Amino acid sequence: MMFCILFRSECEVLNETSFIGHIMPTLLVRYGEIGLKSESVRRRFEQQLIKDIKQRHVLAKTQCIVTQMRGRLFVDSDDWRKSCEILSRTFGVVSFSPVTTAPSDLETLIKASVEYAEPLMFDGASFAVRARRSGNHPYTSQKVAEGVGEAVLKAYGGKGVKVSLDEPDIEIHVEVREKTAYMFSLVLPGPGGMPLGTQGKILSVVDTERGLASTWLMMKRGCSVLVMAENEDDIAPLRSWYPNLRAIAAEDDLLAAADSNQCMGVAVPYGLGDLAGSRIIKGNLPVFYPLIGMNEEDTKGLLKRIRA
């Protein structure tokens, strides 16, 4: 599975946790830039991200329910590992975590956190508790961290566990949001950026491997992409990031092709050294150069990620 390719070490840890085998964990999803937008724009972008997550689950033939709370989305599905794979390739998702939930009263969440920590603890392990809150509660985040930390030390002191805030072997996160506490130990990365389709439609040229990288970067900025490529096989690595990706045959006049396909601009895979002579594109549509600030090593690293 792609999830295991991307997150091999995380998969090993997940297979040791208490929800494996009998409970499907909820996935807590974080986004970044969306939360900085105005209220109306943020709502629109959130809805686009939710729509994209749902559509990807439909294409993967996996049922899911997506709910939201300010600053967070929550995904429940009948195959949470498949959902992890999907979220790891959904633009707009900064990170996500499989979580266990409990009521947010302090006594209950401390007890639940100790139970959650049990399969994570090993002899001599160091750990830290990271707590944060959203909403009104009769306690502080510091109080949560102290209470959970003391309870974990008491419960598993026989294993020789100890607290290490700087470089712990295990991090126990407790995120309290209104009436629910979410406990997790993993933060898995998404691609970040903006949800697909929020920034207009672009014609992107894929005539070399660099074209894959420049097209991916335009996707990350939230653009719907129409690819111009000689061979459908050349764009295959992009389809796991953009399942409904469309391609057209190569044409000499990029701007005319973009205009006839209702695109707002053109993206080309040129670097700084290419911007001379016949490669300068002039016309009545914007031309984007996503790789303009990247060296060859940066581009190779991005291509490795795209193909993973």
C-alpha atoms as a PDB file:
ATOM      1  CA  MET A   1       0.000   0.000   0.000  1.00  0.00           C
ATOM      2  CA  MET A   2       1.179   3.520  -0.735  1.00  0.00           C
ATOM      3  CA  PHE A   3       0.562   4.529   2.884  1.00  0.00           C
ATOM      4  CA  CYS A   4       3.120   2.009   4.055  1.00  0.00           C
ATOM      5  CA  ILE A   5       5.597   3.145   1.402  1.00  0.00           C
ATOM      6  CA  LEU A   6       5.349   6.741   2.580  1.00  0.00           C
ATOM      7  CA  PHE A   7       5.131   6.076   6.285  1.00  0.00           C
ATOM      8  CA  ARG A   8       6.798   2.717   6.942  1.00  0.00           C
ATOM      9  CA  SER A   9       7.961   3.550  10.473  1.00  0.00           C
ATOM     10  CA  GLU A  10       4.615   5.083  11.368  1.00  0.00           C
ATOM     11  CA  CYS A  11       2.832   1.944  10.169  1.00  0.00           C
ATOM     12  CA  GLU A  12       4.949  -0.154  12.494  1.00  0.00           C
ATOM     13  CA  VAL A  13       3.931   2.034  15.433  1.00  0.00           C
ATOM     14  CA  LEU A  14       0.273   2.064  14.396  1.00  0.00           C
ATOM     15  CA  ASN A  15       0.195  -1.720  14.366  1.00  0.00           C
ATOM     16  CA  GLU A  16       1.112  -1.678  18.053  1.00  0.00           C
ATOM     17  CA  THR A  17      -1.593   0.733  19.207  1.00  0.00           C
ATOM     18  CA  SER A  18      -4.750  -0.199  20.996  1.00  0.00           C
ATOM     19  CA  PHE A  19      -7.259   0.572  18.259  1.00  0.00           C
ATOM     20  CA  ILE A  20      -5.765  -1.866  15.764  1.00  0.00           C
ATOM     21  CA  GLY A  21      -7.991  -4.831  15.113  1.00  0.00           C
ATOM     22  CA  HIS A  22     -11.147  -3.806  16.931  1.00  0.00           C
ATOM     23  CA  ILE A  23     -11.845  -0.076  16.597  1.00  0.00           C
ATOM     24  CA  MET A  24     -11.704   2.078  13.468  1.00  0.00           C
ATOM     25  CA  PRO A  25      -9.967   5.294  14.608  1.00  0.00           C
ATOM     26  CA  THR A  26     -11.209   8.717  13.602  1.00  0.00           C
ATOM     27  CA  LEU A  27      -8.666  10.715  11.600  1.00  0.00           C
ATOM     28  CA  LEU A  28      -8.175  14.287  12.789  1.00  0.00           C
ATOM     29  CA  VAL A  29      -7.217  16.438   9.784  1.00  0.00           C
ATOM     30  CA  ARG A  30      -5.361  19.751   9.979  1.00  0.00           C
ATOM     31  CA  TYR A  31      -5.122  22.432   7.324  1.00  0.00           C
ATOM     32  CA  GLY A  32      -3.000  25.568   7.188  1.00  0.00           C
ATOM     33  CA  GLU A  33      -3.460  28.462   4.772  1.00  0.00           C
ATOM     34  CA  ILE A  34      -7.222  27.950   4.587  1.00  0.00           C
ATOM     35  CA  GLY A  35      -7.551  29.093   8.196  1.00  0.00           C
ATOM     36  CA  LEU A  36      -5.922  32.439   7.362  1.00  0.00           C
ATOM     37  CA  LYS A  37      -8.585  33.446   4.849  1.00  0.00           C
ATOM     38  CA  SER A  38     -11.598  35.667   5.490  1.00  0.00           C
ATOM     39  CA  GLU A  39     -14.648  33.966   6.968  1.00  0.00           C
ATOM     40  CA  SER A  40     -16.495  33.573   3.669  1.00  0.00           C
ATOM     41  CA  VAL A  41     -13.416  32.423   1.726  1.00  0.00           C
ATOM     42  CA  ARG A  42     -12.425  30.024   4.503  1.00  0.00           C
ATOM     43  CA  ARG A  43     -15.852  28.392   4.471  1.00  0.00           C
ATOM     44  CA  ARG A  44     -15.727  27.991   0.700  1.00  0.00           C
ATOM     45  CA  PHE A  45     -12.244  26.475   0.779  1.00  0.00           C
ATOM     46  CA  GLU A  46     -13.178  24.151   3.646  1.00  0.00           C
ATOM     47  CA  GLN A  47     -16.157  22.900   1.682  1.00  0.00           C
ATOM     48  CA  GLN A  48     -13.947  22.309  -1.373  1.00  0.00           C
ATOM     49  CA  LEU A  49     -11.493  20.325   0.756  1.00  0.00           C
ATOM     50  CA  ILE A  50     -14.331  18.238   2.220  1.00  0.00           C
ATOM     51  CA  LYS A  51     -15.698  17.638  -1.291  1.00  0.00           C
ATOM     52  CA  ASP A  52     -12.278  16.540  -2.521  1.00  0.00           C
ATOM     53  CA  ILE A  53     -11.783  14.120   0.398  1.00  0.00           C
ATOM     54  CA  LYS A  54     -15.213  12.584  -0.192  1.00  0.00           C
ATOM     55  CA  GLN A  55     -14.687  12.263  -3.956  1.00  0.00           C
ATOM     56  CA  ARG A  56     -11.348  10.525  -3.449  1.00  0.00           C
ATOM     57  CA  HIS A  57     -12.985   8.035  -1.101  1.00  0.00           C
ATOM     58  CA  VAL A  58     -15.710   7.363  -3.677  1.00  0.00           C
ATOM     59  CA  LEU A  59     -13.057   6.684  -6.331  1.00  0.00           C
ATOM     60  CA  ALA A  60     -11.310   4.350  -3.872  1.00  0.00           C
ATOM     61  CA  LYS A  61     -14.655   2.606  -3.208  1.00  0.00           C
ATOM     62  CA  THR A  62     -14.353   3.417   0.479  1.00  0.00           C
ATOM     63  CA  GLN A  63     -17.269   4.851   2.440  1.00  0.00           C
ATOM     64  CA  CYS A  64     -16.483   7.839   4.638  1.00  0.00           C
ATOM     65  CA  ILE A  65     -18.096  10.533   6.737  1.00  0.00           C
ATOM     66  CA  VAL A  66     -16.405  13.925   7.029  1.00  0.00           C
ATOM     67  CA  THR A  67     -17.377  16.286   9.845  1.00  0.00           C
ATOM     68  CA  GLN A  68     -15.842  19.601  10.771  1.00  0.00           C
ATOM     69  CA  MET A  69     -15.073  21.818  13.706  1.00  0.00           C
ATOM     70  CA  ARG A  70     -13.378  25.176  13.365  1.00  0.00           C
ATOM     71  CA  GLY A  71      -9.785  24.546  12.318  1.00  0.00           C
ATOM     72  CA  ARG A  72     -10.189  20.775  12.043  1.00  0.00           C
ATOM     73  CA  LEU A  73     -11.863  18.106   9.918  1.00  0.00           C
ATOM     74  CA  PHE A  74     -12.644  14.582  11.097  1.00  0.00           C
ATOM     75  CA  VAL A  75     -12.754  11.579   8.780  1.00  0.00           C
ATOM     76  CA  ASP A  76     -14.415   8.279   9.692  1.00  0.00           C
ATOM     77  CA  SER A  77     -14.354   5.470   7.154  1.00  0.00           C
ATOM     78  CA  ASP A  78     -14.713   1.715   6.818  1.00  0.00           C
ATOM     79  CA  ASP A  79     -10.996   1.463   5.919  1.00  0.00           C
ATOM     80  CA  TRP A  80      -8.958   3.956   7.902  1.00  0.00           C
ATOM     81  CA  ARG A  81      -5.668   2.818   6.342  1.00  0.00           C
ATOM     82  CA  LYS A  82      -7.031   3.638   2.888  1.00  0.00           C
ATOM     83  CA  SER A  83      -8.182   6.993   4.280  1.00  0.00           C
ATOM     84  CA  CYS A  84      -4.623   7.643   5.493  1.00  0.00           C
ATOM     85  CA  GLU A  85      -3.328   6.940   1.993  1.00  0.00           C
ATOM     86  CA  ILE A  86      -5.919   9.314   0.519  1.00  0.00           C
ATOM     87  CA  LEU A  87      -5.225  12.138   2.978  1.00  0.00           C
ATOM     88  CA  SER A  88      -1.469  11.867   2.417  1.00  0.00           C
ATOM     89  CA  ARG A  89      -2.132  12.894  -1.211  1.00  0.00           C
ATOM     90  CA  THR A  90      -4.931  15.425  -0.766  1.00  0.00           C
ATOM     91  CA  PHE A  91      -3.862  19.019  -1.376  1.00  0.00           C
ATOM     92  CA  GLY A  92      -4.923  21.323   1.435  1.00  0.00           C
ATOM     93  CA  VAL A  93      -4.226  18.694   4.111  1.00  0.00           C
ATOM     94  CA  VAL A  94      -1.195  19.751   6.172  1.00  0.00           C
ATOM     95  CA  SER A  95      -1.208  16.758   8.515  1.00  0.00           C
ATOM     96  CA  PHE A  96      -3.496  14.187  10.099  1.00  0.00           C
ATOM     97  CA  SER A  97      -3.575  11.804  13.045  1.00  0.00           C
ATOM     98  CA  PRO A  98      -5.467   8.642  14.002  1.00  0.00           C
ATOM     99  CA  VAL A  99      -7.129   9.620  17.286  1.00  0.00           C
ATOM    100  CA  THR A 100      -8.863   8.045  20.252  1.00  0.00           C
ATOM    101  CA  THR A 101     -11.590  10.166  21.869  1.00  0.00           C
ATOM    102  CA  ALA A 102     -12.875  10.732  25.393  1.00  0.00           C
ATOM    103  CA  PRO A 103     -15.127  13.222  27.195  1.00  0.00           C
ATOM    104  CA  SER A 104     -13.291  16.439  28.036  1.00  0.00           C
ATOM    105  CA  ASP A 105     -13.783  16.514  31.818  1.00  0.00           C
ATOM    106  CA  LEU A 106     -10.322  16.377  33.341  1.00  0.00           C
ATOM    107  CA  GLU A 107     -10.689  13.193  35.372  1.00  0.00           C
ATOM    108  CA  THR A 108     -12.088  11.195  32.452  1.00  0.00           C
ATOM    109  CA  LEU A 109      -9.568  12.412  29.886  1.00  0.00           C
ATOM    110  CA  ILE A 110      -6.650  11.653  32.216  1.00  0.00           C
ATOM    111  CA  LYS A 111      -7.918   8.111  32.749  1.00  0.00           C
ATOM    112  CA  ALA A 112      -8.472   7.671  28.999  1.00  0.00           C
ATOM    113  CA  SER A 113      -4.996   9.029  28.237  1.00  0.00           C
ATOM    114  CA  VAL A 114      -3.391   6.507  30.577  1.00  0.00           C
ATOM    115  CA  GLU A 115      -5.277   3.684  28.827  1.00  0.00           C
ATOM    116  CA  TYR A 116      -4.283   5.069  25.445  1.00  0.00           C
ATOM    117  CA  ALA A 117      -0.616   5.183  26.484  1.00  0.00           C
ATOM    118  CA  GLU A 118      -0.440   1.554  27.596  1.00  0.00           C
ATOM    119  CA  PRO A 119       0.466  -0.099  24.241  1.00  0.00           C
ATOM    120  CA  LEU A 120       2.933   2.700  23.471  1.00  0.00           C
ATOM    121  CA  MET A 121       5.039   2.307  26.601  1.00  0.00           C
ATOM    122  CA  PHE A 122       8.086   0.060  26.622  1.00  0.00           C
ATOM    123  CA  ASP A 123      10.785  -0.583  29.211  1.00  0.00           C
ATOM    124  CA  GLY A 124      12.870   2.529  29.828  1.00  0.00           C
ATOM    125  CA  ALA A 125      10.876   4.700  27.406  1.00  0.00           C
ATOM    126  CA  SER A 126      10.959   8.465  27.713  1.00  0.00           C
ATOM    127  CA  PHE A 127       7.779  10.375  26.978  1.00  0.00           C
ATOM    128  CA  ALA A 128       6.259  13.833  26.824  1.00  0.00           C
ATOM    129  CA  VAL A 129       2.663  14.997  26.970  1.00  0.00           C
ATOM    130  CA  ARG A 130       1.677  17.780  24.558  1.00  0.00           C
ATOM    131  CA  ALA A 131      -1.668  19.351  25.404  1.00  0.00           C
ATOM    132  CA  ARG A 132      -3.746  22.080  23.792  1.00  0.00           C
ATOM    133  CA  ARG A 133      -7.321  23.295  24.135  1.00  0.00           C
ATOM    134  CA  SER A 134      -9.982  25.044  22.102  1.00  0.00           C
ATOM    135  CA  GLY A 135     -13.095  26.312  23.877  1.00  0.00           C
ATOM    136  CA  ASN A 136     -13.922  27.058  27.510  1.00  0.00           C
ATOM    137  CA  HIS A 137     -12.772  24.596  30.177  1.00  0.00           C
ATOM    138  CA  PRO A 138     -12.189  24.812  33.927  1.00  0.00           C
ATOM    139  CA  TYR A 139      -8.513  23.929  33.471  1.00  0.00           C
ATOM    140  CA  THR A 140      -5.497  25.016  31.456  1.00  0.00           C
ATOM    141  CA  SER A 141      -3.512  23.109  28.842  1.00  0.00           C
ATOM    142  CA  GLN A 142      -0.638  22.998  31.338  1.00  0.00           C
ATOM    143  CA  LYS A 143      -2.930  21.360  33.878  1.00  0.00           C
ATOM    144  CA  VAL A 144      -3.862  18.681  31.335  1.00  0.00           C
ATOM    145  CA  ALA A 145      -0.216  17.979  30.505  1.00  0.00           C
ATOM    146  CA  GLU A 146       0.744  17.773  34.182  1.00  0.00           C
ATOM    147  CA  GLY A 147      -2.207  15.561  35.104  1.00  0.00           C
ATOM    148  CA  VAL A 148      -1.698  13.119  32.236  1.00  0.00           C
ATOM    149  CA  GLY A 149       2.074  13.025  32.757  1.00  0.00           C
ATOM    150  CA  GLU A 150       1.788  12.265  36.473  1.00  0.00           C
ATOM    151  CA  ALA A 151      -0.828   9.570  35.837  1.00  0.00           C
ATOM    152  CA  VAL A 152       1.259   7.885  33.133  1.00  0.00           C
ATOM    153  CA  LEU A 153       4.347   7.899  35.369  1.00  0.00           C
ATOM    154  CA  LYS A 154       2.344   6.354  38.201  1.00  0.00           C
ATOM    155  CA  ALA A 155       0.725   3.719  35.975  1.00  0.00           C
ATOM    156  CA  TYR A 156       3.866   2.597  34.132  1.00  0.00           C
ATOM    157  CA  GLY A 157       6.636   3.494  36.537  1.00  0.00           C
ATOM    158  CA  GLY A 158       7.372  -0.231  36.876  1.00  0.00           C
ATOM    159  CA  LYS A 159       8.631  -0.159  33.294  1.00  0.00           C
ATOM    160  CA  GLY A 160      11.149   2.537  34.152  1.00  0.00           C
ATOM    161  CA  VAL A 161       9.486   5.173  31.986  1.00  0.00           C
ATOM    162  CA  LYS A 162      10.569   8.777  32.434  1.00  0.00           C
ATOM    163  CA  VAL A 163       9.623  12.243  31.238  1.00  0.00           C
ATOM    164  CA  SER A 164      11.724  13.957  28.559  1.00  0.00           C
ATOM    165  CA  LEU A 165      10.268  17.138  27.111  1.00  0.00           C
ATOM    166  CA  ASP A 166      13.062  17.759  24.598  1.00  0.00           C
ATOM    167  CA  GLU A 167      13.713  14.415  22.885  1.00  0.00           C
ATOM    168  CA  PRO A 168      11.137  11.868  24.042  1.00  0.00           C
ATOM    169  CA  ASP A 169      10.775   8.397  22.576  1.00  0.00           C
ATOM    170  CA  ILE A 170       6.997   8.836  22.720  1.00  0.00           C
ATOM    171  CA  GLU A 171       4.800  11.910  22.446  1.00  0.00           C
ATOM    172  CA  ILE A 172       1.273  11.698  23.811  1.00  0.00           C
ATOM    173  CA  HIS A 173      -0.839  14.481  22.350  1.00  0.00           C
ATOM    174  CA  VAL A 174      -4.079  15.505  24.024  1.00  0.00           C
ATOM    175  CA  GLU A 175      -6.139  18.007  22.065  1.00  0.00           C
ATOM    176  CA  VAL A 176      -9.264  19.198  23.857  1.00  0.00           C
ATOM    177  CA  ARG A 177     -11.920  20.759  21.662  1.00  0.00           C
ATOM    178  CA  GLU A 178     -15.145  21.765  23.413  1.00  0.00           C
ATOM    179  CA  LYS A 179     -16.643  18.602  24.977  1.00  0.00           C
ATOM    180  CA  THR A 180     -14.264  16.069  23.439  1.00  0.00           C
ATOM    181  CA  ALA A 181     -10.616  15.187  24.050  1.00  0.00           C
ATOM    182  CA  TYR A 182      -8.583  13.650  21.219  1.00  0.00           C
ATOM    183  CA  MET A 183      -5.516  11.547  22.018  1.00  0.00           C
ATOM    184  CA  PHE A 184      -2.875  10.674  19.439  1.00  0.00           C
ATOM    185  CA  SER A 185       0.812   9.854  19.156  1.00  0.00           C
ATOM    186  CA  LEU A 186       1.411  10.276  15.420  1.00  0.00           C
ATOM    187  CA  VAL A 187       1.284  13.329  13.181  1.00  0.00           C
ATOM    188  CA  LEU A 188       1.401  12.180   9.555  1.00  0.00           C
ATOM    189  CA  PRO A 189       2.115  14.661   6.744  1.00  0.00           C
ATOM    190  CA  GLY A 190      -0.142  15.699   3.896  1.00  0.00           C
ATOM    191  CA  PRO A 191       1.065  17.762   0.926  1.00  0.00           C
ATOM    192  CA  GLY A 192      -0.266  21.047   2.338  1.00  0.00           C
ATOM    193  CA  GLY A 193      -1.110  23.904   0.001  1.00  0.00           C
ATOM    194  CA  MET A 194      -4.652  24.761  -1.070  1.00  0.00           C
ATOM    195  CA  PRO A 195      -7.536  22.469  -2.064  1.00  0.00           C
ATOM    196  CA  LEU A 196      -7.686  21.621  -5.770  1.00  0.00           C
ATOM    197  CA  GLY A 197     -10.023  23.831  -7.735  1.00  0.00           C
ATOM    198  CA  THR A 198      -9.860  26.888  -5.479  1.00  0.00           C
ATOM    199  CA  GLN A 199      -7.452  28.914  -7.640  1.00  0.00           C
ATOM    200  CA  GLY A 200      -8.686  28.554 -11.209  1.00  0.00           C
ATOM    201  CA  LYS A 201      -7.771  26.355 -14.171  1.00  0.00           C
ATOM    202  CA  ILE A 202      -4.280  26.194 -15.661  1.00  0.00           C
ATOM    203  CA  LEU A 203      -2.804  24.543 -18.756  1.00  0.00           C
ATOM    204  CA  SER A 204       0.436  22.867 -17.642  1.00  0.00           C
ATOM    205  CA  VAL A 205       3.091  21.495 -19.982  1.00  0.00           C
ATOM    206  CA  VAL A 206       4.551  18.041 -19.254  1.00  0.00           C
ATOM    207  CA  ASP A 207       7.195  17.375 -21.883  1.00  0.00           C
ATOM    208  CA  THR A 208       9.928  16.253 -19.475  1.00  0.00           C
ATOM    209  CA  GLU A 209      10.159  15.009 -15.890  1.00  0.00           C
ATOM    210  CA  ARG A 210      10.484  18.632 -14.847  1.00  0.00           C
ATOM    211  CA  GLY A 211       6.986  19.098 -16.179  1.00  0.00           C
ATOM    212  CA  LEU A 212       5.723  16.639 -13.568  1.00  0.00           C
ATOM    213  CA  ALA A 213       7.297  18.760 -10.841  1.00  0.00           C
ATOM    214  CA  SER A 214       5.980  22.094 -12.132  1.00  0.00           C
ATOM    215  CA  THR A 215       2.486  20.658 -12.616  1.00  0.00           C
ATOM    216  CA  TRP A 216       2.468  19.224  -9.087  1.00  0.00           C
ATOM    217  CA  LEU A 217       3.431  22.607  -7.675  1.00  0.00           C
ATOM    218  CA  MET A 218       0.524  24.272  -9.509  1.00  0.00           C
ATOM    219  CA  MET A 219      -1.797  21.618  -8.070  1.00  0.00           C
ATOM    220  CA  LYS A 220      -0.448  22.386  -4.604  1.00  0.00           C
ATOM    221  CA  ARG A 221      -1.366  26.033  -5.102  1.00  0.00           C
ATOM    222  CA  GLY A 222      -4.986  24.917  -5.618  1.00  0.00           C
ATOM    223  CA  CYS A 223      -5.163  25.086  -9.410  1.00  0.00           C
ATOM    224  CA  SER A 224      -7.272  22.766 -11.493  1.00  0.00           C
ATOM    225  CA  VAL A 225      -4.855  21.504 -14.118  1.00  0.00           C
ATOM    226  CA  LEU A 226      -5.272  20.529 -17.750  1.00  0.00           C
ATOM    227  CA  VAL A 227      -2.065  18.808 -18.857  1.00  0.00           C
ATOM    228  CA  MET A 228      -0.503  19.113 -22.288  1.00  0.00           C
ATOM    229  CA  ALA A 229       1.543  15.979 -22.917  1.00  0.00           C
ATOM    230  CA  GLU A 230       2.681  13.833 -25.840  1.00  0.00           C
ATOM    231  CA  ASN A 231       2.081  10.570 -23.992  1.00  0.00           C
ATOM    232  CA  GLU A 232      -0.553   9.703 -21.375  1.00  0.00           C
ATOM    233  CA  ASP A 233       1.968   7.439 -19.643  1.00  0.00           C
ATOM    234  CA  ASP A 234       4.169  10.463 -18.935  1.00  0.00           C
ATOM    235  CA  ILE A 235       1.608  11.899 -16.524  1.00  0.00           C
ATOM    236  CA  ALA A 236       0.773   8.636 -14.717  1.00  0.00           C
ATOM    237  CA  PRO A 237       2.613   9.669 -11.484  1.00  0.00           C
ATOM    238  CA  LEU A 238       0.307  12.681 -11.158  1.00  0.00           C
ATOM    239  CA  ARG A 239      -2.915  10.688 -11.187  1.00  0.00           C
ATOM    240  CA  SER A 240      -2.539   9.477  -7.607  1.00  0.00           C
ATOM    241  CA  TRP A 241      -2.508  13.155  -6.614  1.00  0.00           C
ATOM    242  CA  TYR A 242      -5.215  14.245  -9.075  1.00  0.00           C
ATOM    243  CA  PRO A 243      -7.482  11.282  -9.935  1.00  0.00           C
ATOM    244  CA  ASN A 244      -9.558  13.187 -12.517  1.00  0.00           C
ATOM    245  CA  LEU A 245      -6.574  14.671 -14.327  1.00  0.00           C
ATOM    246  CA  ARG A 246      -7.235  15.399 -18.022  1.00  0.00           C
ATOM    247  CA  ALA A 247      -4.664  15.661 -20.795  1.00  0.00           C
ATOM    248  CA  ILE A 248      -4.596  17.112 -24.314  1.00  0.00           C
ATOM    249  CA  ALA A 249      -2.135  16.584 -27.162  1.00  0.00           C
ATOM    250  CA  ALA A 250       0.806  18.940 -27.520  1.00  0.00           C
ATOM    251  CA  GLU A 251       0.301  22.096 -29.607  1.00  0.00           C
ATOM    252  CA  ASP A 252       2.737  24.753 -30.742  1.00  0.00           C
ATOM    253  CA  ASP A 253       0.676  27.717 -29.535  1.00  0.00           C
ATOM    254  CA  LEU A 254       0.336  27.244 -25.766  1.00  0.00           C
ATOM    255  CA  LEU A 255      -1.632  30.411 -25.172  1.00  0.00           C
ATOM    256  CA  ALA A 256      -4.145  29.618 -27.893  1.00  0.00           C
ATOM    257  CA  ALA A 257      -4.575  26.097 -26.491  1.00  0.00           C
ATOM    258  CA  ALA A 258      -5.095  27.514 -23.005  1.00  0.00           C
ATOM    259  CA  ASP A 259      -7.636  30.037 -24.233  1.00  0.00           C
ATOM    260  CA  SER A 260      -9.609  27.464 -26.233  1.00  0.00           C
ATOM    261  CA  ASN A 261      -9.802  25.231 -23.145  1.00  0.00           C
ATOM    262  CA  GLN A 262     -10.980  28.030 -20.826  1.00  0.00           C
ATOM    263  CA  CYS A 263      -7.726  28.135 -18.854  1.00  0.00           C
ATOM    264  CA  MET A 264      -6.722  31.293 -17.016  1.00  0.00           C
ATOM    265  CA  GLY A 265      -3.008  30.807 -17.659  1.00  0.00           C
ATOM    266  CA  VAL A 266      -0.133  28.524 -18.649  1.00  0.00           C
ATOM    267  CA  ALA A 267       2.498  26.785 -16.486  1.00  0.00           C
ATOM    268  CA  VAL A 268       5.823  25.726 -17.998  1.00  0.00           C
ATOM    269  CA  PRO A 269       8.721  23.750 -16.460  1.00  0.00           C
ATOM    270  CA  TYR A 270      11.428  26.286 -17.237  1.00  0.00           C
ATOM    271  CA  GLY A 271      14.219  27.240 -14.858  1.00  0.00           C
ATOM    272  CA  LEU A 272      16.010  30.555 -14.655  1.00  0.00           C
ATOM    273  CA  GLY A 273      18.510  29.505 -17.312  1.00  0.00           C
ATOM    274  CA  ASP A 274      15.716  28.752 -19.791  1.00  0.00           C
ATOM    275  CA  LEU A 275      14.264  32.258 -19.792  1.00  0.00           C
ATOM    276  CA  ALA A 276      15.883  33.494 -22.961  1.00  0.00           C
ATOM    277  CA  GLY A 277      15.181  33.609 -26.657  1.00  0.00           C
ATOM    278  CA  SER A 278      12.355  31.471 -28.004  1.00  0.00           C
ATOM    279  CA  ARG A 279      11.393  30.164 -24.564  1.00  0.00           C
ATOM    280  CA  ILE A 280      10.028  33.526 -23.452  1.00  0.00           C
ATOM    281  CA  ILE A 281       6.253  33.281 -23.799  1.00  0.00           C
ATOM    282  CA  LYS A 282       4.334  36.485 -24.391  1.00  0.00           C
ATOM    283  CA  GLY A 283       0.611  36.907 -24.805  1.00  0.00           C
ATOM    284  CA  ASN A 284      -2.629  37.908 -23.158  1.00  0.00           C
ATOM    285  CA  LEU A 285      -2.608  35.177 -20.463  1.00  0.00           C
ATOM    286  CA  PRO A 286      -0.400  34.843 -17.369  1.00  0.00           C
ATOM    287  CA  VAL A 287       2.544  32.449 -17.658  1.00  0.00           C
ATOM    288  CA  PHE A 288       3.716  30.678 -14.497  1.00  0.00           C
ATOM    289  CA  TYR A 289       7.198  29.273 -13.847  1.00  0.00           C
ATOM    290  CA  PRO A 290       6.823  27.104 -10.714  1.00  0.00           C
ATOM    291  CA  LEU A 291      10.422  25.807 -10.842  1.00  0.00           C
ATOM    292  CA  ILE A 292      12.067  29.197 -11.292  1.00  0.00           C
ATOM    293  CA  GLY A 293      13.557  29.216  -7.769  1.00  0.00           C
ATOM    294  CA  MET A 294      14.477  25.529  -7.529  1.00  0.00           C
ATOM    295  CA  ASN A 295      17.852  23.982  -8.289  1.00  0.00           C
ATOM    296  CA  GLU A 296      18.306  20.544  -9.844  1.00  0.00           C
ATOM    297  CA  GLU A 297      18.664  18.809  -6.474  1.00  0.00           C
ATOM    298  CA  ASP A 298      15.429  20.378  -5.196  1.00  0.00           C
ATOM    299  CA  THR A 299      13.598  19.250  -8.313  1.00  0.00           C
ATOM    300  CA  LYS A 300      14.903  15.679  -8.013  1.00  0.00           C
ATOM    301  CA  GLY A 301      13.720  15.560  -4.403  1.00  0.00           C
ATOM    302  CA  LEU A 302      10.260  16.751  -5.409  1.00  0.00           C
ATOM    303  CA  LEU A 303      10.076  14.193  -8.228  1.00  0.00           C
ATOM    304  CA  LYS A 304      10.965  11.441  -5.780  1.00  0.00           C
ATOM    305  CA  ARG A 305       8.071  12.484  -3.582  1.00  0.00           C
ATOM    306  CA  ILE A 306       5.656  12.668  -6.515  1.00  0.00           C
ATOM    307  CA  ARG A 307       6.573   9.152  -7.656  1.00  0.00           C
ATOM    308  CA  ALA A 308       6.579   7.552  -4.175  1.00  0.00           C
END
